[in-house]
C-alpha atoms as a PDB file:
ATOM      1  CA  MET A   1       5.182 -23.214 -75.542  1.00  0.00           C
ATOM      2  CA  LYS A   2       2.970 -25.960 -74.095  1.00  0.00           C
ATOM      3  CA  ALA A   3       4.153 -29.838 -73.033  1.00  0.00           C
ATOM      4  CA  SER A   4       2.831 -31.758 -76.078  1.00  0.00           C
ATOM      5  CA  THR A   5       4.997 -34.702 -76.321  1.00  0.00           C
ATOM      6  CA  ASP A   6       4.562 -38.121 -74.542  1.00  0.00           C
ATOM      7  CA  THR A   7       8.063 -40.104 -75.142  1.00  0.00           C
ATOM      8  CA  PRO A   8       8.428 -43.672 -74.203  1.00  0.00           C
ATOM      9  CA  GLU A   9       9.568 -44.451 -70.707  1.00  0.00           C
ATOM     10  CA  VAL A  10      13.045 -46.440 -70.073  1.00  0.00           C
ATOM     11  CA  ARG A  11      12.762 -46.961 -66.510  1.00  0.00           C
ATOM     12  CA  THR A  12       9.365 -49.066 -66.264  1.00  0.00           C
ATOM     13  CA  PRO A  13       8.636 -52.288 -64.955  1.00  0.00           C
ATOM     14  CA  ARG A  14       9.945 -55.295 -66.750  1.00  0.00           C
ATOM     15  CA  TYR A  15       6.489 -56.224 -67.833  1.00  0.00           C
ATOM     16  CA  VAL A  16       6.272 -53.399 -70.334  1.00  0.00           C
ATOM     17  CA  ALA A  17       9.379 -54.305 -72.348  1.00  0.00           C
ATOM     18  CA  ARG A  18       7.905 -52.852 -75.350  1.00  0.00           C
ATOM     19  CA  GLU A  19       7.972 -49.530 -74.173  1.00  0.00           C
ATOM     20  CA  ARG A  20      11.512 -49.624 -72.764  1.00  0.00           C
ATOM     21  CA  ARG A  21      12.624 -50.872 -76.057  1.00  0.00           C
ATOM     22  CA  ALA A  22      10.928 -47.605 -77.936  1.00  0.00           C
ATOM     23  CA  GLY A  23      12.601 -45.507 -75.114  1.00  0.00           C
ATOM     24  CA  ARG A  24      15.863 -46.827 -75.898  1.00  0.00           C
ATOM     25  CA  ARG A  25      15.392 -46.361 -79.786  1.00  0.00           C
ATOM     26  CA  ALA A  26      14.405 -42.662 -78.884  1.00  0.00           C
ATOM     27  CA  THR A  27      17.154 -41.911 -76.660  1.00  0.00           C
ATOM     28  CA  ALA A  28      19.464 -43.592 -79.212  1.00  0.00           C
ATOM     29  CA  ALA A  29      18.237 -41.224 -81.972  1.00  0.00           C
ATOM     30  CA  VAL A  30      18.526 -38.058 -79.691  1.00  0.00           C
ATOM     31  CA  LYS A  31      22.060 -38.927 -78.747  1.00  0.00           C
ATOM     32  CA  ALA A  32      22.868 -39.331 -82.534  1.00  0.00           C
ATOM     33  CA  ARG A  33      21.316 -36.094 -83.248  1.00  0.00           C
ATOM     34  CA  LEU A  34      23.346 -34.216 -80.477  1.00  0.00           C
ATOM     35  CA  ALA A  35      26.462 -35.793 -81.557  1.00  0.00           C
ATOM     36  CA  SER A  36      26.309 -34.089 -84.823  1.00  0.00           C
ATOM     37  CA  ALA A  37      24.627 -31.062 -83.854  1.00  0.00           C
ATOM     38  CA  GLN A  38      25.969 -27.509 -84.748  1.00  0.00           C
ATOM     39  CA  ARG A  39      23.330 -25.801 -82.035  1.00  0.00           C
ATOM     40  CA  VAL A  40      21.595 -27.157 -79.226  1.00  0.00           C
ATOM     41  CA  SER A  41      19.080 -24.338 -77.310  1.00  0.00           C
ATOM     42  CA  VAL A  42      16.945 -25.174 -74.174  1.00  0.00           C
ATOM     43  CA  LEU A  43      13.548 -23.605 -74.324  1.00  0.00           C
ATOM     44  CA  ILE A  44      11.844 -22.925 -71.392  1.00  0.00           C
ATOM     45  CA  ALA A  45       8.124 -21.720 -71.071  1.00  0.00           C
ATOM     46  CA  SER A  46       6.948 -19.082 -68.777  1.00  0.00           C
ATOM     47  CA  THR A  47       3.832 -17.573 -67.603  1.00  0.00           C
ATOM     48  CA  ARG A  48       2.738 -14.085 -68.529  1.00  0.00           C
ATOM     49  CA  SER A  49       3.935 -12.782 -65.228  1.00  0.00           C
ATOM     50  CA  GLY A  50       7.516 -14.213 -66.012  1.00  0.00           C
ATOM     51  CA  LYS A  51       7.414 -17.252 -63.860  1.00  0.00           C
ATOM     52  CA  TRP A  52       8.705 -20.719 -65.153  1.00  0.00           C
ATOM     53  CA  LYS A  53       5.732 -22.709 -66.045  1.00  0.00           C
ATOM     54  CA  ARG A  54       5.620 -26.047 -64.410  1.00  0.00           C
ATOM     55  CA  ASP A  55       3.626 -29.269 -65.054  1.00  0.00           C
ATOM     56  CA  ARG A  56       1.290 -31.112 -62.361  1.00  0.00           C
ATOM     57  CA  PHE A  57       4.563 -33.022 -60.905  1.00  0.00           C
ATOM     58  CA  GLY A  58       6.641 -29.685 -60.706  1.00  0.00           C
ATOM     59  CA  ARG A  59       8.871 -30.231 -63.888  1.00  0.00           C
ATOM     60  CA  LEU A  60       9.505 -27.248 -65.935  1.00  0.00           C
ATOM     61  CA  PHE A  61       7.679 -27.033 -69.133  1.00  0.00           C
ATOM     62  CA  SER A  62      10.731 -27.051 -71.481  1.00  0.00           C
ATOM     63  CA  ASP A  63      11.920 -28.349 -74.860  1.00  0.00           C
ATOM     64  CA  LEU A  64      15.413 -28.977 -76.402  1.00  0.00           C
ATOM     65  CA  ALA A  65      16.144 -27.513 -80.113  1.00  0.00           C
ATOM     66  CA  ILE A  66      18.985 -29.294 -82.345  1.00  0.00           C
ATOM     67  CA  ASP A  67      20.063 -27.096 -84.967  1.00  0.00           C
ATOM     68  CA  GLY A  68      16.872 -25.081 -84.730  1.00  0.00           C
ATOM     69  CA  VAL A  69      14.260 -27.871 -84.691  1.00  0.00           C
ATOM     70  CA  PRO A  70      12.442 -28.662 -81.480  1.00  0.00           C
ATOM     71  CA  LEU A  71      12.363 -32.183 -80.163  1.00  0.00           C
ATOM     72  CA  SER A  72       8.923 -31.927 -79.446  1.00  0.00           C
ATOM     73  CA  ARG A  73       8.225 -31.844 -83.347  1.00  0.00           C
ATOM     74  CA  TRP A  74      11.118 -34.293 -84.462  1.00  0.00           C
ATOM     75  CA  LEU A  75      10.553 -37.002 -82.259  1.00  0.00           C
ATOM     76  CA  PRO A  76       6.831 -37.729 -83.316  1.00  0.00           C
ATOM     77  CA  ALA A  77       7.770 -36.834 -86.922  1.00  0.00           C
ATOM     78  CA  GLN A  78      10.310 -39.858 -86.611  1.00  0.00           C
ATOM     79  CA  GLY A  79       7.779 -41.986 -84.884  1.00  0.00           C
ATOM     80  CA  LEU A  80       9.761 -41.871 -81.739  1.00  0.00           C
ATOM     81  CA  ALA A  81       7.117 -40.264 -79.740  1.00  0.00           C
ATOM     82  CA  ARG A  82       3.435 -38.972 -79.619  1.00  0.00           C
ATOM     83  CA  LYS A  83       1.578 -35.798 -79.611  1.00  0.00           C
ATOM     84  CA  TRP A  84      -0.938 -35.429 -76.815  1.00  0.00           C
ATOM     85  CA  PRO A  85      -4.270 -34.495 -78.354  1.00  0.00           C
ATOM     86  CA  ASP A  86      -4.835 -31.321 -75.949  1.00  0.00           C
ATOM     87  CA  GLY A  87      -1.337 -30.196 -76.084  1.00  0.00           C
ATOM     88  CA  GLU A  88      -0.666 -30.612 -72.654  1.00  0.00           C
ATOM     89  CA  LYS A  89      -0.222 -33.446 -70.480  1.00  0.00           C
END
């Protein structure tokens, strides 16, 4: 699994109001999916040696799957996020 999705920031300076609005729409959509979910899974990427993989900021490479559909696929399909061209941010 690679980090491949860029979601709009909710906590961004006021001059980026469009991104904040997009972030709120994405947040509301995910909350609605979670409210009706039958199953939620956390997917964490690991290296070949078994260590958890992290990005340049120290965050775990992870994804959330709702009823078997990873958010990294669902959000871009809904127009609520974008894929990174090289698959990794």
